[in-house]
Amino acid sequence: MIVFLWKNEPNWPVEVVSDNILQFGYTSNELISGEVLYSDIIYPDDLEYVHSTFERKSAETNKGFTADYRIVTKSGDVRWVRERTLIRRDEDGQISHYQGIILDITERKKAEDALRLDEFRLEALLKLNKMTAASLQEITDFAREEAVKLTKSKQGYLAFMSPDEGALIMHSWSKDAMKECAIEDRKFIYPIETTGLWGEAVKQRKPIITNDYQAASPLKKGYPQGHVELTRHMNVPIFDGNRIVAVAGVGNKEEDYDESDLRQLILLMQGMWRLIQRKQMEEALQKYSQELSKAEVELKSLDRIEVEFVSSKKDLSQVTEYGELIDGETLDIIDDLKKKAIDNVLHYSQRLRRLVDSFVYTSMEEAGKIEYNFEPIDISGPLEDSLLDTIFMVEEKDILVEKIIPEPLPFVNGDEEKLTDMFTVLLDDAIRFTPPRGKLTIKIDAEENDLHIMVKDSGPGIPEKLIPHMFQRFYEIGASIKQSYEGLESGLYICKKIVDAHEGRIKIKSKIGAGTEIHVWLPKIK
């Protein structure tokens, strides 16, 4: 507690101050002699507030009042103080002096601000979760501007990652940043290798805080003329599993960025990404439900045409709603169309099932309702159960199943139900791509620390450019290869989550024309 007495004159010259003013770096003599005026130590942005508060409160009361404001220590630090002020008047009733008791409330303010920020963040997350009908642009704009507010920044931005994590694709800047930016030819794609300091969040795969952006740094490559001048900067990578999907950044906070700012930014952006993923999933569910309905309608129509054709027992000449000419030689054409329609029904049914499974799994994961029951198990048990689940498809395609499984197998610490689910997805995919009378190989090797499980099909293989995306929750595949590979990622995403929970690894090896291998390593119990 520091005691002050100062005159009601311009700049408030100090007459008395207790020696413990030294806790802020000043000596009592500096203030009493006028070398340092009280107005000099008030934080510049608060000076007008303090003057107006003193004027207003002095007119309202004859006793005293309380005010919170910031002061600047001699070393340049900013501290919050609470002043309890008594008003002294002369014989004419005019204010002659102010007597104040100054308390350092910086830590209390920090705790209050942290609590308030948490409340603001929760409120922002609640608003974000209610934006289910909003567009992608509305969601990202809201999250970006809230990030600026929560971190008390002046600017903010959001960029999405290219699929190979090789470049940042600028999505948007905050409103204030766009007002200050004077660059005429703005870039929208920033290669990570040449981006500089603000790309370090991707290179190092962790948040980066730069509280002195003007300081020399080998990582900083500057920015174009006309760019918003940065004094402080913080950005964070946004992860979907192990993959960076976006980078969010804020800049020019008046004080240093700290761990609290990181927490606010990360939690808000994670909430934004979950909502984007949920919307993508819901839109995909709606899309494939509609496609399935169309395929079912087409199949029923073809069934009806076939029945009418057979019952008529005569040549028909009419054009169906699908543009196919019906005549006396059309049964083969109808059969081909039905096979195609059946393939479509099966494809979209499978795609929907995978999406629903992924959607349910993701929802349970976010709600913290996925539980694992680990115990020592023989991995051949879940594998055999999965083979039984898929035996109908194996027999229907007359696939040769080759099992290379030594006995006895070392035990792994695993959840039998979850591992059965994983093997079912892997076998289901392998059977789907294996041609009729093809070969499916299941091989297990006991390595030094792990059990190595391989599931290999004799199908067409997966294009190399798709392999990095196969463990994503949702990936939009190009139209030219959509029918063949669509939906794989939804199931493999779940498989990877299960493998990760078992502290294992999963990898895809594939080559066009040479089939696909899925490799899983699970730690052995030693």
Protein backbone atom coordinates (compact mmCIF):
# COMPACT_ATOMS: atom_id res chain seq x y z
CA MET A 1 0.00 0.00 0.00
CA ILE A 2 1.39 3.38 -1.08
CA VAL A 3 0.20 6.68 0.38
CA PHE A 4 0.05 9.83 -1.80
CA LEU A 5 -0.81 13.45 -1.22
CA TRP A 6 -0.87 15.75 -4.24
CA LYS A 7 -2.12 19.20 -5.15
CA ASN A 8 -5.15 19.84 -7.29
CA GLU A 9 -3.09 21.57 -9.93
CA PRO A 10 -2.15 20.71 -13.53
CA ASN A 11 -0.05 17.50 -13.68
CA TRP A 12 -0.86 16.90 -9.97
CA PRO A 13 2.45 17.76 -8.24
CA VAL A 14 3.12 15.39 -5.33
CA GLU A 15 3.72 16.74 -1.81
CA VAL A 16 3.94 13.45 0.11
CA VAL A 17 4.50 9.86 -0.99
CA SER A 18 5.51 6.85 1.08
CA ASP A 19 8.91 5.26 0.44
CA ASN A 20 7.42 2.00 -0.81
CA ILE A 21 6.76 3.73 -4.12
CA LEU A 22 10.11 2.09 -4.83
CA GLN A 23 8.24 -1.14 -5.64
CA PHE A 24 7.39 0.56 -8.95
CA GLY A 25 11.00 1.68 -9.46
CA TYR A 26 10.56 5.33 -8.44
CA THR A 27 11.96 7.07 -5.35
CA SER A 28 9.81 9.33 -3.19
CA ASN A 29 12.27 12.17 -3.83
CA GLU A 30 11.75 11.92 -7.63
CA LEU A 31 8.03 12.54 -7.21
CA ILE A 32 8.21 15.15 -4.43
CA SER A 33 10.88 17.18 -6.27
CA GLY A 34 8.81 17.22 -9.42
CA GLU A 35 11.42 15.33 -11.40
CA VAL A 36 8.64 12.81 -12.04
CA LEU A 37 5.02 13.98 -12.07
CA TYR A 38 2.18 11.72 -11.06
CA SER A 39 0.65 12.15 -14.50
CA ASP A 40 3.93 10.82 -15.95
CA ILE A 41 3.48 7.42 -14.37
CA ILE A 42 -0.14 6.88 -15.40
CA TYR A 43 -0.46 4.58 -18.41
CA PRO A 44 -1.02 6.89 -21.43
CA ASP A 45 -4.25 5.19 -22.56
CA ASP A 46 -5.70 5.62 -19.04
CA LEU A 47 -4.70 9.24 -18.48
CA GLU A 48 -7.89 10.74 -19.93
CA TYR A 49 -9.98 8.23 -17.96
CA VAL A 50 -8.25 9.19 -14.67
CA HIS A 51 -8.66 12.95 -15.29
CA SER A 52 -12.34 12.63 -16.23
CA THR A 53 -13.04 10.29 -13.31
CA PHE A 54 -11.47 12.70 -10.82
CA GLU A 55 -13.45 15.63 -12.25
CA ARG A 56 -16.73 13.74 -12.27
CA LYS A 57 -16.35 12.12 -8.85
CA SER A 58 -15.17 15.38 -7.25
CA ALA A 59 -18.37 17.06 -8.44
CA GLU A 60 -20.53 14.22 -7.12
CA THR A 61 -19.12 13.79 -3.60
CA ASN A 62 -17.35 15.65 -0.83
CA LYS A 63 -15.79 12.52 0.62
CA GLY A 64 -13.92 10.22 -1.70
CA PHE A 65 -14.09 7.58 -4.39
CA THR A 66 -12.30 4.55 -5.82
CA ALA A 67 -10.80 4.14 -9.32
CA ASP A 68 -8.86 1.36 -11.05
CA TYR A 69 -6.26 2.24 -13.68
CA ARG A 70 -2.80 1.31 -14.90
CA ILE A 71 0.57 2.84 -14.15
CA VAL A 72 3.92 2.38 -15.87
CA THR A 73 6.85 1.34 -13.69
CA LYS A 74 10.26 2.85 -14.20
CA SER A 75 11.37 -0.31 -16.01
CA GLY A 76 8.44 0.00 -18.42
CA ASP A 77 6.18 -2.71 -16.99
CA VAL A 78 2.47 -2.00 -16.75
CA ARG A 79 0.76 -2.58 -13.39
CA TRP A 80 -2.88 -2.26 -12.36
CA VAL A 81 -3.60 -0.20 -9.25
CA ARG A 82 -6.71 0.59 -7.25
CA GLU A 83 -6.75 4.09 -5.79
CA ARG A 84 -8.94 5.01 -2.84
CA THR A 85 -9.02 8.79 -2.85
CA LEU A 86 -10.06 11.33 -0.20
CA ILE A 87 -10.91 14.88 -1.26
CA ARG A 88 -9.48 17.78 0.74
CA ARG A 89 -11.01 21.25 0.41
CA ASP A 90 -9.87 24.67 1.54
CA GLU A 91 -11.88 27.20 3.57
CA ASP A 92 -13.70 28.33 0.43
CA GLY A 93 -14.82 24.79 -0.32
CA GLN A 94 -12.47 24.42 -3.26
CA ILE A 95 -10.50 21.20 -3.73
CA SER A 96 -6.94 21.79 -2.62
CA HIS A 97 -5.48 18.30 -2.41
CA TYR A 98 -6.15 14.67 -3.12
CA GLN A 99 -5.01 12.03 -0.67
CA GLY A 100 -4.75 8.56 -2.11
CA ILE A 101 -4.00 5.05 -1.03
CA ILE A 102 -2.63 3.01 -3.96
CA LEU A 103 -2.91 -0.79 -3.96
CA ASP A 104 -1.22 -2.99 -6.56
CA ILE A 105 -4.05 -5.22 -7.89
CA THR A 106 -2.25 -6.55 -10.97
CA GLU A 107 -2.51 -10.23 -9.99
CA ARG A 108 -6.16 -9.84 -9.01
CA LYS A 109 -6.84 -8.15 -12.36
CA LYS A 110 -5.09 -10.94 -14.21
CA ALA A 111 -7.24 -13.53 -12.41
CA GLU A 112 -10.41 -11.53 -13.13
CA ASP A 113 -9.41 -11.06 -16.77
CA ALA A 114 -8.66 -14.76 -17.13
CA LEU A 115 -12.06 -15.64 -15.69
CA ARG A 116 -13.76 -13.08 -17.91
CA LEU A 117 -11.90 -14.35 -20.96
CA ASP A 118 -12.94 -17.91 -20.18
CA GLU A 119 -16.54 -16.73 -19.94
CA PHE A 120 -16.23 -14.87 -23.25
CA ARG A 121 -14.64 -17.92 -24.85
CA LEU A 122 -17.40 -20.22 -23.61
CA GLU A 123 -19.96 -17.74 -24.91
CA ALA A 124 -18.16 -17.63 -28.28
CA LEU A 125 -18.03 -21.44 -28.45
CA LEU A 126 -21.75 -21.66 -27.63
CA LYS A 127 -22.53 -19.18 -30.41
CA LEU A 128 -20.25 -21.11 -32.76
CA ASN A 129 -21.97 -24.42 -32.01
CA LYS A 130 -25.33 -22.85 -32.84
CA MET A 131 -24.14 -21.76 -36.30
CA THR A 132 -25.15 -25.05 -37.90
CA ALA A 133 -27.14 -23.29 -40.63
CA ALA A 134 -24.41 -20.74 -41.34
CA SER A 135 -22.16 -20.79 -44.40
CA LEU A 136 -18.46 -21.65 -44.27
CA GLN A 137 -17.60 -17.97 -44.74
CA GLU A 138 -19.88 -16.91 -41.87
CA ILE A 139 -18.36 -19.54 -39.56
CA THR A 140 -14.76 -18.62 -40.35
CA ASP A 141 -15.45 -14.86 -40.16
CA PHE A 142 -17.06 -15.27 -36.74
CA ALA A 143 -14.22 -17.43 -35.37
CA ARG A 144 -11.53 -15.10 -36.71
CA GLU A 145 -13.07 -11.91 -35.27
CA GLU A 146 -13.74 -13.60 -31.91
CA ALA A 147 -10.10 -14.71 -31.83
CA VAL A 148 -9.02 -11.08 -32.25
CA LYS A 149 -11.30 -9.99 -29.39
CA LEU A 150 -10.37 -12.80 -27.00
CA THR A 151 -6.64 -12.20 -27.40
CA LYS A 152 -7.04 -8.38 -27.31
CA SER A 153 -5.32 -8.19 -30.68
CA LYS A 154 -5.61 -5.60 -33.42
CA GLN A 155 -5.51 -7.99 -36.40
CA GLY A 156 -6.16 -11.61 -37.22
CA TYR A 157 -6.11 -13.99 -40.17
CA LEU A 158 -7.05 -17.54 -41.16
CA ALA A 159 -5.33 -19.69 -43.78
CA PHE A 160 -6.06 -23.26 -44.85
CA MET A 161 -3.35 -25.80 -45.65
CA SER A 162 -2.86 -27.37 -49.04
CA PRO A 163 -3.43 -31.18 -48.94
CA ASP A 164 0.32 -31.87 -48.99
CA GLU A 165 0.99 -29.27 -46.24
CA GLY A 166 3.29 -27.51 -48.71
CA ALA A 167 1.49 -24.17 -48.85
CA LEU A 168 -0.83 -21.91 -46.89
CA ILE A 169 -3.89 -20.73 -48.78
CA MET A 170 -5.00 -17.40 -47.33
CA HIS A 171 -8.69 -17.52 -46.50
CA SER A 172 -9.34 -14.15 -44.85
CA TRP A 173 -7.95 -11.24 -42.84
CA SER A 174 -9.76 -9.47 -40.01
CA LYS A 175 -11.66 -6.29 -40.83
CA ASP A 176 -9.15 -3.97 -39.14
CA ALA A 177 -6.23 -5.62 -40.91
CA MET A 178 -7.86 -5.08 -44.29
CA LYS A 179 -8.38 -1.40 -43.47
CA GLU A 180 -4.67 -0.93 -42.73
CA CYS A 181 -3.31 -3.13 -45.52
CA ALA A 182 -2.15 -1.11 -48.53
CA ILE A 183 -0.77 -3.96 -50.67
CA GLU A 184 -2.24 -3.72 -54.14
CA ASP A 185 -1.37 -7.18 -55.45
CA ARG A 186 -2.12 -9.47 -52.52
CA LYS A 187 -0.91 -13.06 -52.61
CA PHE A 188 -3.24 -15.84 -51.58
CA ILE A 189 -0.90 -18.85 -51.75
CA TYR A 190 2.21 -18.89 -49.55
CA PRO A 191 4.68 -21.81 -49.98
CA ILE A 192 5.76 -22.94 -46.52
CA GLU A 193 9.44 -23.09 -47.45
CA THR A 194 9.54 -19.39 -48.34
CA THR A 195 6.85 -17.98 -46.07
CA GLY A 196 9.14 -16.95 -43.20
CA LEU A 197 8.39 -16.51 -39.53
CA TRP A 198 4.63 -16.87 -39.70
CA GLY A 199 5.05 -20.25 -41.44
CA GLU A 200 7.04 -21.63 -38.50
CA ALA A 201 3.84 -22.87 -36.85
CA VAL A 202 3.60 -25.38 -39.71
CA LYS A 203 7.31 -26.20 -39.91
CA GLN A 204 7.60 -26.77 -36.17
CA ARG A 205 4.04 -28.14 -35.88
CA LYS A 206 3.38 -26.07 -32.75
CA PRO A 207 2.15 -22.56 -31.80
CA ILE A 208 4.65 -19.74 -32.27
CA ILE A 209 4.68 -16.52 -30.22
CA THR A 210 6.78 -13.55 -31.36
CA ASN A 211 6.52 -10.72 -28.84
CA ASP A 212 9.11 -8.53 -30.58
CA TYR A 213 8.40 -8.82 -34.26
CA GLN A 214 10.75 -5.99 -35.15
CA ALA A 215 13.76 -7.79 -33.67
CA ALA A 216 16.17 -9.40 -36.11
CA SER A 217 15.46 -13.08 -36.75
CA PRO A 218 16.85 -15.56 -39.30
CA LEU A 219 13.31 -16.95 -39.61
CA LYS A 220 11.78 -13.61 -40.53
CA LYS A 221 11.76 -12.72 -44.19
CA GLY A 222 9.85 -9.48 -43.75
CA TYR A 223 6.64 -8.58 -45.52
CA PRO A 224 5.71 -6.55 -48.60
CA GLN A 225 5.58 -2.77 -48.63
CA GLY A 226 2.14 -1.64 -47.52
CA HIS A 227 1.57 -4.71 -45.30
CA VAL A 228 0.15 -4.13 -41.83
CA GLU A 229 3.11 -3.36 -39.56
CA LEU A 230 3.51 -6.03 -36.92
CA THR A 231 4.80 -5.46 -33.40
CA ARG A 232 3.67 -8.76 -31.86
CA HIS A 233 2.42 -11.91 -33.52
CA MET A 234 1.08 -15.32 -32.54
CA ASN A 235 -0.20 -18.14 -34.69
CA VAL A 236 -1.29 -21.71 -34.12
CA PRO A 237 -1.63 -24.77 -36.36
CA ILE A 238 -5.07 -26.39 -36.36
CA PHE A 239 -4.88 -30.18 -36.37
CA ASP A 240 -7.25 -32.87 -37.58
CA GLY A 241 -5.60 -35.90 -36.04
CA ASN A 242 -1.94 -35.62 -37.03
CA ARG A 243 -2.63 -33.46 -40.08
CA ILE A 244 -2.43 -29.66 -40.07
CA VAL A 245 -5.54 -28.35 -41.81
CA ALA A 246 -5.28 -24.61 -41.14
CA VAL A 247 -3.29 -21.87 -39.42
CA ALA A 248 -4.88 -19.06 -37.41
CA GLY A 249 -2.95 -15.99 -36.33
CA VAL A 250 -3.39 -12.73 -34.45
CA GLY A 251 -1.17 -9.68 -34.12
CA ASN A 252 -0.38 -6.39 -32.42
CA LYS A 253 -1.68 -6.97 -28.92
CA GLU A 254 -0.57 -4.07 -26.70
CA GLU A 255 0.97 -6.45 -24.17
CA ASP A 256 2.96 -9.65 -24.69
CA TYR A 257 1.12 -12.76 -25.85
CA ASP A 258 1.12 -15.54 -23.27
CA GLU A 259 -0.20 -19.06 -22.59
CA SER A 260 -3.68 -17.73 -21.87
CA ASP A 261 -3.84 -16.18 -25.34
CA LEU A 262 -2.72 -19.48 -26.84
CA ARG A 263 -5.44 -21.35 -24.99
CA GLN A 264 -8.13 -18.93 -26.19
CA LEU A 265 -7.01 -19.14 -29.82
CA ILE A 266 -6.51 -22.91 -29.92
CA LEU A 267 -9.83 -23.81 -28.27
CA LEU A 268 -11.80 -21.39 -30.44
CA MET A 269 -10.20 -22.59 -33.68
CA GLN A 270 -10.60 -26.25 -32.74
CA GLY A 271 -14.29 -25.54 -32.18
CA MET A 272 -14.47 -23.87 -35.58
CA TRP A 273 -12.83 -26.84 -37.30
CA ARG A 274 -15.14 -29.35 -35.59
CA LEU A 275 -18.15 -27.37 -36.82
CA ILE A 276 -16.76 -27.22 -40.37
CA GLN A 277 -16.15 -30.97 -40.33
CA ARG A 278 -19.64 -31.62 -38.97
CA LYS A 279 -21.18 -29.49 -41.70
CA GLN A 280 -19.14 -31.28 -44.36
CA MET A 281 -20.26 -34.62 -42.96
CA GLU A 282 -23.91 -33.58 -42.80
CA GLU A 283 -23.80 -32.23 -46.34
CA ALA A 284 -22.17 -35.47 -47.53
CA LEU A 285 -24.82 -37.54 -45.72
CA GLN A 286 -27.56 -35.51 -47.38
CA LYS A 287 -25.88 -35.76 -50.78
CA TYR A 288 -25.41 -39.53 -50.69
CA SER A 289 -28.88 -40.10 -49.25
CA GLN A 290 -30.24 -38.29 -52.30
CA GLU A 291 -27.99 -40.26 -54.64
CA LEU A 292 -29.08 -43.52 -53.01
CA SER A 293 -32.75 -42.55 -53.40
CA LYS A 294 -32.17 -41.78 -57.09
CA ALA A 295 -30.41 -45.12 -57.60
CA GLU A 296 -33.24 -46.99 -55.86
CA VAL A 297 -35.86 -45.20 -57.98
CA GLU A 298 -33.90 -46.09 -61.12
CA LEU A 299 -33.65 -49.73 -60.08
CA LYS A 300 -37.40 -49.97 -59.33
CA SER A 301 -38.21 -48.36 -62.66
CA LEU A 302 -36.00 -50.85 -64.51
CA ASP A 303 -37.67 -53.72 -62.62
CA ARG A 304 -41.04 -52.42 -63.72
CA ILE A 305 -39.92 -52.04 -67.34
CA GLU A 306 -38.54 -55.58 -67.33
CA VAL A 307 -41.79 -57.01 -65.93
CA GLU A 308 -43.88 -55.10 -68.48
CA PHE A 309 -41.58 -56.20 -71.27
CA VAL A 310 -41.72 -59.89 -70.37
CA SER A 311 -45.50 -59.84 -69.84
CA SER A 312 -46.13 -58.13 -73.16
CA LYS A 313 -44.30 -60.93 -75.05
CA LYS A 314 -43.90 -58.67 -78.02
CA ASP A 315 -41.52 -56.10 -79.38
CA LEU A 316 -41.70 -52.75 -77.68
CA SER A 317 -40.61 -49.47 -79.09
CA GLN A 318 -40.61 -46.68 -76.59
CA VAL A 319 -38.13 -44.36 -74.93
CA THR A 320 -37.76 -44.63 -71.19
CA GLU A 321 -37.15 -41.72 -68.86
CA TYR A 322 -33.46 -42.73 -68.98
CA GLY A 323 -33.24 -42.25 -72.72
CA GLU A 324 -32.90 -45.98 -73.53
CA LEU A 325 -34.66 -47.38 -76.62
CA ILE A 326 -36.86 -50.37 -75.82
CA ASP A 327 -37.34 -52.96 -78.54
CA GLY A 328 -37.49 -56.69 -78.86
CA GLU A 329 -33.78 -57.10 -78.12
CA THR A 330 -33.74 -54.98 -74.98
CA LEU A 331 -33.61 -57.59 -72.21
CA ASP A 332 -29.82 -57.65 -72.29
CA ILE A 333 -29.75 -53.87 -72.19
CA ILE A 334 -32.18 -53.85 -69.25
CA ASP A 335 -30.03 -56.40 -67.43
CA ASP A 336 -26.92 -54.27 -67.94
CA LEU A 337 -28.75 -51.18 -66.72
CA LYS A 338 -30.03 -53.09 -63.68
CA LYS A 339 -26.53 -54.27 -62.84
CA LYS A 340 -25.30 -50.70 -63.06
CA ALA A 341 -28.20 -49.49 -60.92
CA ILE A 342 -27.55 -52.24 -58.35
CA ASP A 343 -23.87 -51.25 -58.26
CA ASN A 344 -24.93 -47.66 -57.61
CA VAL A 345 -27.30 -48.72 -54.82
CA LEU A 346 -24.54 -50.80 -53.21
CA HIS A 347 -21.98 -48.03 -53.63
CA TYR A 348 -24.11 -45.30 -52.09
CA SER A 349 -25.36 -47.64 -49.35
CA GLN A 350 -21.78 -48.47 -48.43
CA ARG A 351 -20.77 -44.81 -48.62
CA LEU A 352 -23.66 -43.84 -46.33
CA ARG A 353 -22.83 -46.61 -43.88
CA ARG A 354 -19.21 -45.46 -43.71
CA LEU A 355 -20.19 -41.83 -43.27
CA VAL A 356 -22.71 -42.69 -40.55
CA ASP A 357 -20.11 -44.83 -38.75
CA SER A 358 -17.56 -42.02 -38.98
CA PHE A 359 -20.13 -39.42 -37.89
CA VAL A 360 -21.21 -41.50 -34.88
CA TYR A 361 -17.61 -42.24 -33.93
CA THR A 362 -16.63 -38.56 -34.21
CA SER A 363 -19.62 -37.46 -32.14
CA MET A 364 -18.83 -40.01 -29.43
CA GLU A 365 -15.17 -39.04 -29.52
CA GLU A 366 -15.98 -35.34 -29.05
CA ALA A 367 -18.36 -36.21 -26.20
CA GLY A 368 -15.66 -38.32 -24.54
CA LYS A 369 -17.83 -41.43 -24.69
CA ILE A 370 -15.42 -43.77 -26.46
CA GLU A 371 -13.97 -46.12 -23.88
CA TYR A 372 -11.33 -48.79 -24.35
CA ASN A 373 -11.16 -51.98 -22.28
CA PHE A 374 -7.58 -53.14 -22.60
CA GLU A 375 -6.57 -56.66 -21.70
CA PRO A 376 -4.03 -59.24 -22.93
CA ILE A 377 -5.50 -60.81 -26.10
CA ASP A 378 -4.51 -63.08 -28.96
CA ILE A 379 -4.92 -60.95 -32.08
CA SER A 380 -6.04 -63.92 -34.16
CA GLY A 381 -9.40 -63.86 -32.29
CA PRO A 382 -10.57 -60.44 -33.55
CA LEU A 383 -9.13 -61.26 -36.98
CA GLU A 384 -11.14 -64.50 -37.29
CA ASP A 385 -14.30 -62.71 -36.11
CA SER A 386 -13.80 -60.10 -38.82
CA LEU A 387 -13.31 -62.80 -41.46
CA LEU A 388 -16.61 -64.38 -40.41
CA ASP A 389 -18.32 -60.99 -40.73
CA THR A 390 -17.11 -60.67 -44.32
CA ILE A 391 -17.27 -64.32 -45.44
CA PHE A 392 -20.42 -63.78 -47.53
CA MET A 393 -18.65 -61.17 -49.71
CA VAL A 394 -15.59 -63.44 -50.00
CA GLU A 395 -17.68 -66.38 -51.22
CA GLU A 396 -19.79 -64.22 -53.53
CA LYS A 397 -16.64 -63.03 -55.37
CA ASP A 398 -14.93 -66.43 -55.08
CA ILE A 399 -11.86 -64.82 -53.52
CA LEU A 400 -8.93 -66.93 -52.41
CA VAL A 401 -7.99 -66.01 -48.84
CA GLU A 402 -4.38 -66.77 -47.92
CA LYS A 403 -3.59 -66.64 -44.20
CA ILE A 404 0.03 -66.65 -43.04
CA ILE A 405 -0.33 -66.64 -39.27
CA PRO A 406 2.26 -68.37 -37.07
CA GLU A 407 1.23 -70.08 -33.85
CA PRO A 408 1.33 -69.27 -31.04
CA LEU A 409 1.16 -65.50 -31.36
CA PRO A 410 2.47 -63.15 -28.64
CA PHE A 411 -0.32 -61.31 -26.84
CA VAL A 412 -1.04 -57.62 -27.25
CA ASN A 413 -2.68 -55.29 -24.78
CA GLY A 414 -5.85 -54.53 -26.71
CA ASP A 415 -9.58 -53.90 -26.82
CA GLU A 416 -10.99 -56.97 -28.59
CA GLU A 417 -14.19 -55.26 -29.77
CA LYS A 418 -12.39 -52.21 -31.21
CA LEU A 419 -9.77 -54.35 -32.95
CA THR A 420 -12.54 -56.49 -34.48
CA ASP A 421 -14.12 -53.30 -35.83
CA MET A 422 -10.77 -52.22 -37.27
CA PHE A 423 -10.08 -55.56 -38.99
CA THR A 424 -13.63 -55.62 -40.38
CA VAL A 425 -13.09 -52.24 -42.07
CA LEU A 426 -9.71 -53.31 -43.47
CA LEU A 427 -11.04 -56.63 -44.80
CA ASP A 428 -14.19 -55.01 -46.15
CA ASP A 429 -12.07 -52.54 -48.16
CA ALA A 430 -9.70 -55.25 -49.38
CA ILE A 431 -12.60 -57.45 -50.55
CA ARG A 432 -14.27 -54.49 -52.25
CA PHE A 433 -11.18 -53.87 -54.41
CA THR A 434 -10.26 -57.50 -55.02
CA PRO A 435 -11.65 -58.65 -58.39
CA PRO A 436 -13.74 -61.85 -58.69
CA ARG A 437 -11.53 -64.95 -58.20
CA GLY A 438 -8.79 -62.64 -56.93
CA LYS A 439 -6.58 -63.14 -53.89
CA LEU A 440 -6.64 -61.68 -50.38
CA THR A 441 -3.58 -62.16 -48.18
CA ILE A 442 -3.51 -61.81 -44.39
CA LYS A 443 -0.08 -62.08 -42.83
CA ILE A 444 1.13 -61.64 -39.25
CA ASP A 445 4.79 -61.40 -38.21
CA ALA A 446 6.10 -61.21 -34.65
CA GLU A 447 8.77 -58.51 -34.75
CA GLU A 448 11.05 -57.45 -31.91
CA ASN A 449 8.61 -55.04 -30.26
CA ASP A 450 5.43 -55.33 -32.31
CA LEU A 451 3.02 -57.65 -34.02
CA HIS A 452 2.99 -56.69 -37.69
CA ILE A 453 -0.31 -57.36 -39.46
CA MET A 454 -0.61 -57.00 -43.24
CA VAL A 455 -3.83 -57.12 -45.26
CA LYS A 456 -3.15 -57.24 -49.01
CA ASP A 457 -5.62 -57.25 -51.89
CA SER A 458 -5.05 -57.99 -55.59
CA GLY A 459 -7.07 -54.99 -56.75
CA PRO A 460 -6.18 -52.05 -58.99
CA GLY A 461 -4.28 -50.10 -56.31
CA ILE A 462 -4.80 -46.58 -54.98
CA PRO A 463 -3.44 -43.52 -56.84
CA GLU A 464 -0.36 -42.20 -55.10
CA LYS A 465 -1.82 -38.71 -54.66
CA LEU A 466 -4.75 -40.11 -52.65
CA ILE A 467 -2.71 -42.13 -50.14
CA PRO A 468 -1.79 -39.16 -47.85
CA HIS A 469 -5.52 -38.39 -47.47
CA MET A 470 -6.79 -41.89 -46.72
CA PHE A 471 -6.72 -41.42 -42.94
CA GLN A 472 -8.59 -38.11 -43.00
CA ARG A 473 -12.05 -37.85 -41.51
CA PHE A 474 -13.47 -36.56 -44.77
CA TYR A 475 -11.81 -35.86 -48.11
CA GLU A 476 -13.37 -34.62 -51.34
CA ILE A 477 -12.12 -36.92 -54.09
CA GLY A 478 -11.92 -35.74 -57.68
CA ALA A 479 -14.80 -36.65 -59.97
CA SER A 480 -12.68 -38.78 -62.30
CA ILE A 481 -11.90 -41.38 -59.62
CA LYS A 482 -14.79 -40.76 -57.22
CA GLN A 483 -16.78 -43.94 -57.88
CA SER A 484 -13.80 -46.19 -57.20
CA TYR A 485 -12.27 -44.73 -54.06
CA GLU A 486 -14.95 -42.59 -52.44
CA GLY A 487 -15.63 -43.42 -48.82
CA LEU A 488 -12.37 -45.19 -48.03
CA GLU A 489 -11.13 -42.37 -45.84
CA SER A 490 -14.13 -42.45 -43.46
CA GLY A 491 -13.40 -46.05 -42.41
CA LEU A 492 -9.63 -45.69 -42.39
CA TYR A 493 -9.95 -42.61 -40.19
CA ILE A 494 -11.63 -44.79 -37.54
CA CYS A 495 -8.99 -47.51 -38.03
CA LYS A 496 -6.20 -45.02 -37.40
CA LYS A 497 -7.92 -43.75 -34.26
CA ILE A 498 -8.15 -47.32 -32.95
CA VAL A 499 -4.50 -48.03 -33.80
CA ASP A 500 -3.42 -44.76 -32.14
CA ALA A 501 -5.35 -45.71 -28.98
CA HIS A 502 -3.33 -48.96 -28.93
CA GLU A 503 -0.10 -46.93 -29.32
CA GLY A 504 0.52 -48.60 -32.66
CA ARG A 505 1.09 -47.51 -36.27
CA ILE A 506 -0.80 -47.93 -39.54
CA LYS A 507 0.49 -47.41 -43.07
CA ILE A 508 -0.73 -47.82 -46.65
CA LYS A 509 1.43 -49.16 -49.48
CA SER A 510 -0.11 -49.22 -52.92
CA LYS A 511 0.81 -49.13 -56.57
CA ILE A 512 -1.50 -48.86 -59.54
CA GLY A 513 -1.95 -52.33 -61.03
CA ALA A 514 -0.27 -54.09 -58.11
CA GLY A 515 -2.87 -54.00 -55.34
CA THR A 516 -2.86 -52.37 -51.91
CA GLU A 517 -1.25 -53.35 -48.62
CA ILE A 518 -2.41 -52.07 -45.24
CA HIS A 519 0.22 -52.52 -42.53
CA VAL A 520 -0.59 -52.32 -38.83
CA TRP A 521 1.91 -52.55 -35.98
CA LEU A 522 0.64 -53.21 -32.44
CA PRO A 523 3.00 -53.34 -29.42
CA LYS A 524 3.56 -56.82 -28.02
CA ILE A 525 3.26 -57.64 -24.34
CA LYS A 526 6.75 -58.63 -23.28
